[in-house]
Protein backbone atom coordinates (compact mmCIF):
# COMPACT_ATOMS: atom_id res chain seq x y z
CA THR A 1 9.08 22.95 14.26
CA SER A 2 9.90 20.16 16.72
CA LEU A 3 12.65 17.62 16.15
CA PRO A 4 10.21 14.77 15.33
CA VAL A 5 8.45 16.91 12.73
CA ARG A 6 11.72 18.11 11.18
CA ARG A 7 12.93 14.51 10.86
CA ALA A 8 9.63 13.42 9.39
CA LEU A 9 9.72 16.19 6.82
CA ILE A 10 13.27 15.32 5.89
CA LEU A 11 12.25 11.69 5.41
CA LEU A 12 9.62 12.75 2.90
CA LEU A 13 12.52 13.11 0.52
CA THR A 14 14.10 10.03 -0.99
CA VAL A 15 17.22 8.96 0.82
CA LYS A 16 20.19 7.61 -1.06
CA ILE A 17 22.81 5.55 0.69
CA GLY A 18 25.60 4.08 -1.41
CA PHE A 19 23.99 1.97 -4.09
CA GLY A 20 20.86 3.98 -4.81
CA LEU A 21 17.29 4.50 -3.64
CA LEU A 22 16.99 3.24 -0.10
CA CYS A 23 13.73 4.51 1.32
CA SER A 24 10.53 6.07 0.05
CA CYS A 25 8.39 7.38 2.85
CA VAL A 26 4.74 8.20 3.31
CA LEU A 27 4.48 10.55 6.28
CA ALA A 28 2.71 13.70 5.09
CA ASP A 29 -0.75 12.70 6.30
CA GLN A 30 0.63 11.42 9.58
CA VAL A 31 2.61 14.60 10.25
CA GLN A 32 -0.41 16.77 9.51
CA ALA A 33 -2.63 14.61 11.69
CA THR A 34 -0.32 14.53 14.69
CA GLY A 35 1.42 17.88 14.47
CA ILE A 36 4.27 18.48 16.88
CA ASN A 37 3.33 15.42 18.93
CA ALA A 38 4.13 12.98 16.10
CA PRO A 39 6.32 10.11 17.36
CA ASP A 40 9.97 10.39 16.43
CA PHE A 41 10.72 7.25 14.39
CA TYR A 42 14.30 8.26 13.62
CA ALA A 43 15.80 5.27 15.46
CA VAL A 44 13.45 2.88 13.66
CA GLU A 45 14.38 4.40 10.30
CA ALA A 46 18.07 4.22 11.08
CA LYS A 47 17.92 0.55 12.07
CA ILE A 48 16.04 -0.59 8.96
CA SER A 49 18.17 1.61 6.70
CA SER A 50 21.33 0.05 8.13
CA TRP A 51 20.06 -3.44 7.29
CA ILE A 52 19.25 -2.41 3.72
CA GLU A 53 22.57 -0.60 3.32
CA ARG A 54 24.50 -3.68 4.42
CA GLY A 55 22.66 -5.83 1.90
CA TYR A 56 20.79 -8.03 4.36
CA PHE A 57 17.45 -7.27 2.68
CA PRO A 58 16.81 -6.11 -0.90
CA GLY A 59 13.93 -4.06 0.44
CA ALA A 60 11.38 -3.86 3.21
CA VAL A 61 8.13 -2.26 4.31
CA LEU A 62 7.18 -1.05 7.78
CA ILE A 63 3.61 -0.17 8.76
CA VAL A 64 2.54 0.78 12.28
CA VAL A 65 -1.06 1.53 13.28
CA LYS A 66 -2.27 2.92 16.60
CA ASP A 67 -5.90 3.58 17.51
CA ASP A 68 -6.97 3.01 13.89
CA ARG A 69 -4.53 5.62 12.60
CA VAL A 70 -1.44 4.86 10.52
CA LEU A 71 1.57 6.24 12.39
CA ILE A 72 4.11 5.26 9.79
CA GLU A 73 4.17 3.49 6.44
CA HIS A 74 7.57 3.30 4.79
CA SER A 75 8.92 1.34 1.86
CA TYR A 76 12.63 0.65 1.50
CA GLY A 77 14.78 -0.46 -1.42
CA SER A 78 12.87 -2.33 -4.10
CA TYR A 79 9.79 -3.04 -1.96
CA THR A 80 6.32 -1.49 -2.04
CA PRO A 81 3.36 -2.21 0.26
CA GLU A 82 2.11 -4.63 -2.41
CA THR A 83 5.36 -6.60 -2.72
CA GLN A 84 4.59 -10.26 -2.06
CA VAL A 85 7.22 -12.32 -0.27
CA TYR A 86 7.47 -15.58 1.62
CA ILE A 87 6.87 -14.74 5.27
CA ALA A 88 8.11 -18.03 6.75
CA SER A 89 7.03 -18.44 10.39
CA ALA A 90 4.94 -15.26 10.30
CA GLY A 91 2.45 -17.54 8.56
CA LYS A 92 1.92 -19.50 11.78
CA TRP A 93 -0.34 -16.70 13.06
CA LEU A 94 -2.41 -16.90 9.86
CA ALA A 95 -2.61 -20.69 10.05
CA SER A 96 -3.75 -20.73 13.67
CA ALA A 97 -6.39 -18.11 12.95
CA THR A 98 -7.65 -20.24 10.08
CA ILE A 99 -8.02 -23.27 12.31
CA ALA A 100 -9.64 -21.08 14.97
CA ALA A 101 -12.33 -20.23 12.41
CA VAL A 102 -13.01 -23.95 11.93
CA VAL A 103 -13.21 -24.35 15.71
CA ASP A 104 -15.70 -21.48 15.82
CA GLU A 105 -17.87 -23.40 13.37
CA GLY A 106 -17.96 -26.35 15.77
CA LYS A 107 -16.23 -28.65 13.29
CA LEU A 108 -13.12 -29.00 15.45
CA SER A 109 -12.34 -28.66 19.14
CA TRP A 110 -9.07 -27.38 20.57
CA ASP A 111 -8.99 -30.56 22.64
CA ASP A 112 -9.66 -33.00 19.82
CA PRO A 113 -7.02 -35.74 19.89
CA VAL A 114 -5.22 -36.27 16.61
CA ALA A 115 -6.39 -39.89 16.44
CA LYS A 116 -10.01 -38.76 16.22
CA TRP A 117 -9.30 -37.52 12.70
CA LEU A 118 -6.17 -39.47 11.84
CA PRO A 119 -6.51 -42.95 13.35
CA GLU A 120 -3.35 -44.09 11.56
CA LEU A 121 -1.42 -42.16 14.22
CA ARG A 122 -1.60 -44.87 16.85
CA ASP A 123 1.33 -43.97 19.11
CA SER A 124 1.61 -40.97 21.41
CA LYS A 125 1.39 -38.67 18.40
CA GLY A 126 -2.26 -39.69 18.13
CA ARG A 127 -2.93 -38.68 21.74
CA ALA A 128 -1.73 -35.12 21.18
CA THR A 129 -4.49 -32.52 20.91
CA LEU A 130 -5.13 -29.81 18.35
CA ARG A 131 -4.20 -27.26 21.02
CA GLN A 132 -0.83 -28.95 21.53
CA LEU A 133 -0.13 -29.14 17.80
CA LEU A 134 -0.48 -25.37 17.49
CA SER A 135 1.54 -24.60 20.63
CA HIS A 136 4.56 -26.81 19.81
CA THR A 137 3.90 -29.05 22.81
CA ALA A 138 2.50 -32.09 20.97
CA GLY A 139 5.68 -34.15 21.30
CA TYR A 140 6.29 -34.26 17.55
CA PRO A 141 9.74 -33.90 15.98
CA ASP A 142 10.22 -30.29 14.99
CA TYR A 143 11.28 -31.11 11.41
CA GLN A 144 12.01 -34.15 9.28
CA PRO A 145 15.28 -35.81 10.40
CA LYS A 146 18.45 -35.28 8.40
CA GLY A 147 18.65 -37.74 5.56
CA ARG A 148 14.91 -37.85 5.01
CA ARG A 149 12.97 -35.87 2.45
CA ARG A 150 12.11 -32.49 3.86
CA ASP A 151 8.48 -31.49 4.20
CA ASP A 152 7.93 -30.23 0.66
CA TYR A 153 4.98 -32.33 -0.42
CA GLN A 154 2.17 -31.13 -2.64
CA THR A 155 -0.66 -31.98 -0.22
CA LEU A 156 -1.15 -32.19 3.51
CA ALA A 157 -2.21 -35.82 3.10
CA GLU A 158 1.24 -36.65 1.69
CA SER A 159 2.92 -34.61 4.39
CA VAL A 160 1.09 -36.41 7.18
CA ALA A 161 1.85 -39.81 5.65
CA ALA A 162 5.55 -38.97 6.00
CA ILE A 163 5.01 -37.93 9.64
CA VAL A 164 3.10 -41.05 10.66
CA ILE A 165 6.22 -43.21 10.41
CA LEU A 166 8.38 -40.91 12.55
CA PRO A 167 8.89 -41.74 16.23
CA ALA A 168 7.54 -39.21 18.70
CA ALA A 169 10.11 -36.87 20.21
CA ASP A 170 8.29 -36.50 23.56
CA GLU A 171 5.04 -37.34 25.27
CA PRO A 172 2.26 -34.85 24.48
CA GLY A 173 2.48 -31.82 26.74
CA ALA A 174 5.93 -32.69 28.05
CA ARG A 175 8.16 -30.25 26.18
CA PHE A 176 8.01 -27.08 24.11
CA ARG A 177 9.68 -27.88 20.78
CA TYR A 178 9.34 -25.10 18.19
CA GLY A 179 8.97 -26.46 14.67
CA GLY A 180 6.66 -27.11 11.76
CA LEU A 181 5.60 -30.75 11.45
CA ALA A 182 2.85 -30.63 14.06
CA LEU A 183 1.13 -27.81 12.19
CA GLN A 184 0.87 -30.02 9.11
CA VAL A 185 -1.17 -32.48 11.14
CA ALA A 186 -3.37 -29.67 12.47
CA GLY A 187 -4.01 -28.50 8.93
CA ARG A 188 -4.92 -31.98 7.80
CA MET A 189 -7.40 -32.28 10.69
CA ALA A 190 -9.03 -29.07 9.45
CA GLU A 191 -9.23 -30.48 5.93
CA LEU A 192 -10.93 -33.65 7.14
CA ALA A 193 -13.30 -31.71 9.39
CA THR A 194 -14.43 -29.36 6.64
CA GLY A 195 -14.08 -31.53 3.53
CA GLN A 196 -12.02 -28.75 1.92
CA ASP A 197 -8.36 -28.36 1.01
CA TRP A 198 -6.22 -26.06 3.13
CA GLU A 199 -6.06 -23.16 0.68
CA THR A 200 -9.85 -23.11 0.38
CA ILE A 201 -10.23 -23.13 4.16
CA PHE A 202 -7.83 -20.20 4.48
CA GLN A 203 -9.23 -18.18 1.61
CA THR A 204 -12.91 -18.51 2.56
CA ARG A 205 -12.52 -17.93 6.30
CA ILE A 206 -9.63 -15.47 6.61
CA ALA A 207 -8.23 -14.09 3.35
CA GLN A 208 -11.42 -13.17 1.51
CA PRO A 209 -13.31 -11.70 4.49
CA LEU A 210 -10.28 -9.54 5.31
CA GLY A 211 -9.58 -8.59 1.70
CA LEU A 212 -6.16 -10.26 1.65
CA THR A 213 -5.73 -10.32 -2.12
CA GLY A 214 -2.00 -11.06 -2.04
CA THR A 215 -1.83 -13.76 0.63
CA VAL A 216 -1.72 -17.47 -0.21
CA PHE A 217 -0.29 -20.77 1.01
CA THR A 218 -0.24 -22.26 -2.48
CA PRO A 219 0.97 -23.00 -5.13
CA VAL A 220 4.38 -24.53 -4.55
CA ASP A 221 7.17 -22.22 -5.63
CA GLY A 222 8.90 -23.47 -8.76
CA VAL A 223 12.39 -22.69 -7.54
CA ILE A 224 12.31 -22.95 -3.75
CA GLU A 225 10.63 -26.11 -2.54
CA GLY A 226 8.70 -26.61 0.64
CA HIS A 227 6.31 -23.70 0.51
CA SER A 228 2.99 -25.46 0.02
CA PRO A 229 1.05 -26.30 1.97
CA MET A 230 3.55 -25.71 4.75
CA LEU A 231 1.40 -24.09 7.44
CA GLY A 232 4.33 -23.10 9.60
CA GLY A 233 6.48 -21.51 6.91
CA GLY A 234 4.98 -21.46 3.45
CA ALA A 235 2.64 -18.49 3.21
CA ARG A 236 3.26 -15.50 0.98
CA SER A 237 1.84 -12.11 1.82
CA THR A 238 2.15 -8.35 1.45
CA SER A 239 2.48 -5.70 4.13
CA HIS A 240 -0.90 -4.20 3.22
CA ASP A 241 -2.50 -7.63 3.63
CA TYR A 242 -0.84 -8.51 6.91
CA ILE A 243 -1.73 -5.19 8.51
CA ARG A 244 -5.39 -5.94 7.75
CA PHE A 245 -5.03 -9.30 9.49
CA LEU A 246 -3.54 -7.53 12.52
CA GLU A 247 -6.42 -5.06 12.49
CA MET A 248 -8.73 -8.03 13.01
CA ILE A 249 -6.55 -9.43 15.80
CA ALA A 250 -6.43 -6.02 17.52
CA GLY A 251 -10.21 -5.77 17.07
CA ASP A 252 -10.75 -8.92 19.13
CA GLY A 253 -11.86 -10.85 16.06
CA MET A 254 -13.85 -8.03 14.45
CA PHE A 255 -12.91 -6.44 11.15
CA ARG A 256 -14.74 -3.29 10.06
CA GLY A 257 -18.08 -4.39 11.44
CA ARG A 258 -17.78 -8.07 10.56
CA ARG A 259 -16.87 -10.80 13.01
CA ILE A 260 -14.12 -13.05 11.65
CA LEU A 261 -13.13 -14.92 14.82
CA SER A 262 -14.94 -15.25 18.12
CA GLN A 263 -13.59 -13.49 21.18
CA GLY A 264 -13.13 -16.94 22.69
CA SER A 265 -10.84 -17.99 19.87
CA ILE A 266 -8.81 -14.78 20.18
CA ARG A 267 -8.41 -15.45 23.90
CA GLU A 268 -7.32 -19.05 23.28
CA MET A 269 -4.75 -17.94 20.72
CA GLN A 270 -3.28 -15.38 23.12
CA ALA A 271 -3.42 -17.50 26.28
CA ASP A 272 -0.54 -19.49 27.72
CA GLN A 273 -0.72 -22.80 25.85
CA VAL A 274 2.70 -24.05 26.95
CA ARG A 275 1.18 -24.87 30.34
CA GLY A 276 3.24 -27.54 32.08
CA ALA A 277 5.56 -28.33 29.17
CA HIS A 278 9.29 -27.97 29.78
CA VAL A 279 10.89 -24.89 28.22
CA GLU A 280 14.65 -25.08 27.83
CA PRO A 281 16.20 -22.13 29.72
CA GLY A 282 18.10 -19.69 27.53
CA ALA A 283 17.20 -21.49 24.30
CA GLU A 284 13.90 -19.98 23.14
CA PHE A 285 12.96 -16.81 21.30
CA VAL A 286 11.39 -14.81 24.15
CA GLU A 287 14.35 -15.12 26.49
CA MET A 288 16.91 -14.66 23.73
CA THR A 289 15.33 -11.48 22.38
CA ARG A 290 13.72 -9.94 25.47
CA GLY A 291 15.67 -11.48 28.32
CA ALA A 292 12.28 -12.47 29.71
CA LYS A 293 12.20 -15.47 32.04
CA HIS A 294 8.48 -16.23 32.08
CA HIS A 295 7.36 -19.75 31.24
CA GLY A 296 4.20 -19.02 29.23
CA ILE A 297 6.04 -18.03 26.08
CA TYR A 298 3.61 -19.27 23.44
CA GLY A 299 -0.09 -19.30 22.64
CA LEU A 300 -1.56 -20.79 19.47
CA GLY A 301 0.55 -19.70 16.51
CA GLU A 302 2.00 -16.67 18.29
CA TRP A 303 4.74 -15.82 20.77
CA ARG A 304 3.86 -14.17 24.07
CA GLU A 305 6.84 -11.85 24.31
CA LYS A 306 5.74 -9.74 27.26
CA LEU A 307 3.24 -10.36 30.07
CA ASP A 308 1.50 -8.06 32.51
CA GLY A 309 1.41 -8.64 36.25
CA HIS A 310 -1.46 -11.10 35.89
CA GLY A 311 0.24 -13.26 33.27
CA ASN A 312 -1.75 -11.87 30.36
CA ALA A 313 0.15 -11.37 27.12
CA VAL A 314 0.59 -7.71 26.20
CA LEU A 315 3.13 -8.13 23.41
CA LEU A 316 2.33 -10.82 20.84
CA SER A 317 4.20 -11.65 17.66
CA SER A 318 5.00 -14.18 14.96
CA PRO A 319 8.62 -13.63 13.86
CA SER A 320 10.28 -15.46 10.98
CA TRP A 321 13.78 -16.47 10.00
CA ALA A 322 13.26 -14.53 6.75
CA GLY A 323 12.83 -11.23 8.60
CA ALA A 324 9.06 -10.72 8.51
CA TYR A 325 7.91 -9.56 11.94
CA PRO A 326 4.26 -8.80 12.77
CA TRP A 327 3.43 -7.75 16.32
CA PHE A 328 0.59 -6.50 18.53
CA ASP A 329 1.49 -4.21 21.44
CA LYS A 330 -1.60 -4.21 23.63
CA ASP A 331 -0.11 -1.79 26.17
CA ARG A 332 0.13 0.93 23.53
CA ARG A 333 -2.91 -0.14 21.47
CA LEU A 334 -0.75 -0.45 18.38
CA TYR A 335 0.18 -3.14 15.90
CA GLY A 336 2.73 -3.27 13.15
CA VAL A 337 4.34 -5.37 10.47
CA PHE A 338 7.86 -5.34 9.13
CA LEU A 339 7.91 -7.24 5.85
CA ALA A 340 11.22 -8.33 4.35
CA HIS A 341 12.99 -11.44 3.14
CA VAL A 342 16.64 -11.90 4.00
CA GLU A 343 19.17 -12.53 1.24
CA ILE A 344 20.96 -15.80 2.06
CA SER A 345 22.77 -16.67 -1.16
CA PRO A 346 26.42 -17.80 -0.77
CA GLY A 347 28.72 -14.87 -0.16
CA ASN A 348 25.83 -12.55 0.69
CA ALA A 349 26.35 -10.04 3.49
CA ALA A 350 23.77 -11.69 5.76
CA VAL A 351 25.64 -15.00 5.50
CA ARG A 352 29.05 -13.34 5.88
CA ASP A 353 27.96 -11.32 8.93
CA LYS A 354 25.91 -14.18 10.42
CA PHE A 355 22.89 -11.89 10.48
CA ASN A 356 19.93 -13.63 12.13
CA ALA A 357 16.69 -11.96 11.08
CA PHE A 358 14.61 -14.08 13.47
CA TYR A 359 16.34 -12.53 16.47
CA SER A 360 17.07 -9.12 14.92
CA SER A 361 13.73 -7.91 13.53
CA PRO A 362 11.94 -7.89 16.94
CA VAL A 363 14.05 -4.90 18.00
CA LEU A 364 11.63 -2.86 15.89
CA ALA A 365 8.83 -3.41 18.41
CA THR A 366 11.11 -1.95 21.08
CA LEU A 367 12.11 1.03 18.96
CA VAL A 368 8.51 1.76 17.99
CA ALA A 369 7.42 1.51 21.64
CA ASP A 370 10.20 3.91 22.64
CA ALA A 371 9.07 6.38 19.97
CA VAL A 372 5.40 6.21 20.89
CA ASP A 373 5.88 6.04 24.65
CA PRO A 374 9.40 7.34 25.45
CA ASN A 375 8.91 7.13 29.20
CA GLN A 376 8.07 3.44 29.25
CA GLY A 377 9.10 1.62 26.05
CA LEU A 378 9.45 -2.15 26.37
CA LYS A 379 12.19 -2.02 28.97
CA SER A 380 9.87 -3.42 31.64
CA ALA A 381 9.33 -6.67 29.76
CA LYS A 382 8.71 -9.37 32.32
């Protein structure tokens, strides 16, 4: 048998490293389906296993799908594909898709100014558009200033009331400023446009049609505050749920014969929405993880990690500080999700080693690309 097949067969066994069960793997069907041409995911396995072994994550799940076929589905540590965790900024992709569904209904426009729905925002924050709110170019502060209550309110109405009194950070469209407050305003606009609360909007337009039974933005967690209805960082999900969402994204808005989002909305989400806004050199995710120098780094709720020669995004993602990393590699017609939540308690290994999951997890897209397409990989990222 070939080296990839031998490694895959070995990984069918449980692997113990130090403290106990590290990885349970589901590869039998994939090995049978692909035979000797099965991708060699050894480097991917080794990377994730090293993170678990060091104690950065209590567990994790990796699922990769290409051409409607599961290439790999592995659970590590205490996790299973149904383990529900907070996905932090990976929820931005879900939130933007939810608002896209409202736009598809004609109840909102990407170019609606905030003041159309929230006239109490009378300064430059009211001139920002829905499009700018979701692309971090609205000129809003990224988070609540130090000394003020953080954004852990029970409703979007309360959250927006606390944003109204803040001074704008920039003029709309002037600067890319990655954060979460602007998304709260976008969510409130959707609530006013539909007459429904955020969770209902999400459940009826995205979660239920896709069968996402373990994905929610509410209720507020009883121990960790700030998770509801924080559009930019408060969702909880499972790997099985998120891979279904990515199936819809990869299907250009279609999911198993049902249209969830229009092709126009998918294009808007993936297009360059930074436009003329200033991007600080060397300070943003795409350059720091890929070394890429292109300006159009963000769409609506998703990073544009790699572009083709025409400026179209071919690697899209929504990474999180917690470690969750969903991505869509259009060049290789594959999508994947790495679901994990970093341990950050005092004295934990991730804190001691200064492990940054936001910048570390995206290496998995590179390793998967190298396994699937060894001659190209992601080394040509623009």
